[in-house]
Amino acid sequence: MAVLKPVTLSGTVASTLPLPAGTPVTVTRYDADFPKGKVVGTAKLGAKGAFSFSDTPTAAGGIKYWVTYKGDARHAPPAARPSSR
């Protein structure tokens, strides 16, 4: 990914008990500047657990994103690795 060029991340969070549309998930970026991760925002799940999020990386080199859900009384906390476009 190029530094200071916007990217769009998309993916699906899966759960044995589906998460309702509108459920917020946290997006964390891992890169050379933040090897332990930096929360870069939240996204809301759409139909069937789909999400999309835009970010502008600030460091050169490898970049990873994690999308997490904290869980609730009915759902365990799943995680997904989004693809980038």
C-alpha atoms as a PDB file:
ATOM      1  CA  MET A   1       0.000   0.000   0.000  1.00  0.00           C
ATOM      2  CA  ALA A   2       1.206   3.483  -0.781  1.00  0.00           C
ATOM      3  CA  VAL A   3       1.839   6.049   1.924  1.00  0.00           C
ATOM      4  CA  LEU A   4      -0.695   8.906   2.106  1.00  0.00           C
ATOM      5  CA  LYS A   5      -2.948   7.289  -0.516  1.00  0.00           C
ATOM      6  CA  PRO A   6      -6.440   6.337   0.634  1.00  0.00           C
ATOM      7  CA  VAL A   7      -7.383   2.651   0.700  1.00  0.00           C
ATOM      8  CA  THR A   8     -10.775   1.035   1.128  1.00  0.00           C
ATOM      9  CA  LEU A   9     -10.983  -2.069   3.285  1.00  0.00           C
ATOM     10  CA  SER A  10     -13.875  -4.478   3.072  1.00  0.00           C
ATOM     11  CA  GLY A  11     -14.733  -7.834   4.516  1.00  0.00           C
ATOM     12  CA  THR A  12     -17.228  -9.863   6.467  1.00  0.00           C
ATOM     13  CA  VAL A  13     -17.420 -10.650  10.170  1.00  0.00           C
ATOM     14  CA  ALA A  14     -18.830 -14.142  10.651  1.00  0.00           C
ATOM     15  CA  SER A  15     -20.550 -15.463  13.749  1.00  0.00           C
ATOM     16  CA  THR A  16     -22.592 -18.585  14.478  1.00  0.00           C
ATOM     17  CA  LEU A  17     -25.297 -16.214  15.730  1.00  0.00           C
ATOM     18  CA  PRO A  18     -25.395 -13.399  13.128  1.00  0.00           C
ATOM     19  CA  LEU A  19     -24.597  -9.876  14.273  1.00  0.00           C
ATOM     20  CA  PRO A  20     -27.318  -7.339  13.499  1.00  0.00           C
ATOM     21  CA  ALA A  21     -26.777  -4.678  10.838  1.00  0.00           C
ATOM     22  CA  GLY A  22     -25.475  -1.484  12.415  1.00  0.00           C
ATOM     23  CA  THR A  23     -23.254  -3.303  14.930  1.00  0.00           C
ATOM     24  CA  PRO A  24     -20.010  -1.300  15.323  1.00  0.00           C
ATOM     25  CA  VAL A  25     -16.614  -2.935  14.797  1.00  0.00           C
ATOM     26  CA  THR A  26     -13.202  -1.441  15.581  1.00  0.00           C
ATOM     27  CA  VAL A  27     -10.541  -1.074  12.851  1.00  0.00           C
ATOM     28  CA  THR A  28      -6.887  -1.226  13.971  1.00  0.00           C
ATOM     29  CA  ARG A  29      -3.876  -0.561  11.720  1.00  0.00           C
ATOM     30  CA  TYR A  30      -0.457  -2.184  12.326  1.00  0.00           C
ATOM     31  CA  ASP A  31       2.531  -0.665  10.521  1.00  0.00           C
ATOM     32  CA  ALA A  32       6.106   0.589  11.080  1.00  0.00           C
ATOM     33  CA  ASP A  33       4.848   3.650  12.979  1.00  0.00           C
ATOM     34  CA  PHE A  34       2.461   1.596  15.148  1.00  0.00           C
ATOM     35  CA  PRO A  35       3.785  -1.996  15.425  1.00  0.00           C
ATOM     36  CA  LYS A  36       1.483  -2.616  18.418  1.00  0.00           C
ATOM     37  CA  GLY A  37      -1.471  -1.187  16.509  1.00  0.00           C
ATOM     38  CA  LYS A  38      -3.416   2.048  16.368  1.00  0.00           C
ATOM     39  CA  VAL A  39      -7.198   2.221  16.315  1.00  0.00           C
ATOM     40  CA  VAL A  40      -8.035   4.166  13.169  1.00  0.00           C
ATOM     41  CA  GLY A  41     -11.813   4.141  13.474  1.00  0.00           C
ATOM     42  CA  THR A  42     -14.985   2.140  13.539  1.00  0.00           C
ATOM     43  CA  ALA A  43     -17.234   0.716  10.866  1.00  0.00           C
ATOM     44  CA  LYS A  44     -20.827  -0.456  11.103  1.00  0.00           C
ATOM     45  CA  LEU A  45     -21.798  -3.876   9.871  1.00  0.00           C
ATOM     46  CA  GLY A  46     -24.225  -4.121   7.019  1.00  0.00           C
ATOM     47  CA  ALA A  47     -26.211  -7.091   5.796  1.00  0.00           C
ATOM     48  CA  LYS A  48     -24.680 -10.503   6.533  1.00  0.00           C
ATOM     49  CA  GLY A  49     -21.819  -8.954   8.564  1.00  0.00           C
ATOM     50  CA  ALA A  50     -20.292  -6.982   5.684  1.00  0.00           C
ATOM     51  CA  PHE A  51     -18.258  -3.855   6.403  1.00  0.00           C
ATOM     52  CA  SER A  52     -16.245  -1.251   4.529  1.00  0.00           C
ATOM     53  CA  PHE A  53     -13.797   1.308   5.881  1.00  0.00           C
ATOM     54  CA  SER A  54     -11.435   3.874   4.352  1.00  0.00           C
ATOM     55  CA  ASP A  55      -8.011   4.784   5.731  1.00  0.00           C
ATOM     56  CA  THR A  56      -4.901   6.662   4.621  1.00  0.00           C
ATOM     57  CA  PRO A  57      -1.711   4.834   5.687  1.00  0.00           C
ATOM     58  CA  THR A  58       1.069   7.072   7.030  1.00  0.00           C
ATOM     59  CA  ALA A  59       4.019   4.639   7.080  1.00  0.00           C
ATOM     60  CA  ALA A  60       5.896   2.842   4.317  1.00  0.00           C
ATOM     61  CA  GLY A  61       6.291  -0.922   4.361  1.00  0.00           C
ATOM     62  CA  GLY A  62       3.955  -3.682   5.392  1.00  0.00           C
ATOM     63  CA  ILE A  63       0.554  -2.701   6.731  1.00  0.00           C
ATOM     64  CA  LYS A  64      -2.023  -4.975   8.365  1.00  0.00           C
ATOM     65  CA  TYR A  65      -5.548  -4.203   9.465  1.00  0.00           C
ATOM     66  CA  TRP A  66      -7.651  -6.033  12.036  1.00  0.00           C
ATOM     67  CA  VAL A  67     -11.367  -5.599  12.477  1.00  0.00           C
ATOM     68  CA  THR A  68     -12.677  -6.645  15.880  1.00  0.00           C
ATOM     69  CA  TYR A  69     -15.952  -6.814  17.743  1.00  0.00           C
ATOM     70  CA  LYS A  70     -15.957  -6.680  21.533  1.00  0.00           C
ATOM     71  CA  GLY A  71     -18.825  -9.123  21.867  1.00  0.00           C
ATOM     72  CA  ASP A  72     -21.962  -8.888  23.955  1.00  0.00           C
ATOM     73  CA  ALA A  73     -24.199 -11.131  26.059  1.00  0.00           C
ATOM     74  CA  ARG A  74     -25.193 -13.141  22.958  1.00  0.00           C
ATOM     75  CA  HIS A  75     -22.038 -12.996  20.811  1.00  0.00           C
ATOM     76  CA  ALA A  76     -18.429 -13.992  21.376  1.00  0.00           C
ATOM     77  CA  PRO A  77     -15.844 -11.504  20.038  1.00  0.00           C
ATOM     78  CA  PRO A  78     -14.980 -12.540  16.438  1.00  0.00           C
ATOM     79  CA  ALA A  79     -12.302 -10.913  14.275  1.00  0.00           C
ATOM     80  CA  ALA A  80     -11.800 -10.578  10.506  1.00  0.00           C
ATOM     81  CA  ARG A  81      -8.952  -9.655   8.211  1.00  0.00           C
ATOM     82  CA  PRO A  82     -10.272  -7.337   5.534  1.00  0.00           C
ATOM     83  CA  SER A  83      -9.088  -7.276   1.970  1.00  0.00           C
ATOM     84  CA  SER A  84      -7.885  -3.999   0.500  1.00  0.00           C
ATOM     85  CA  ARG A  85      -8.861  -2.489  -2.837  1.00  0.00           C
END
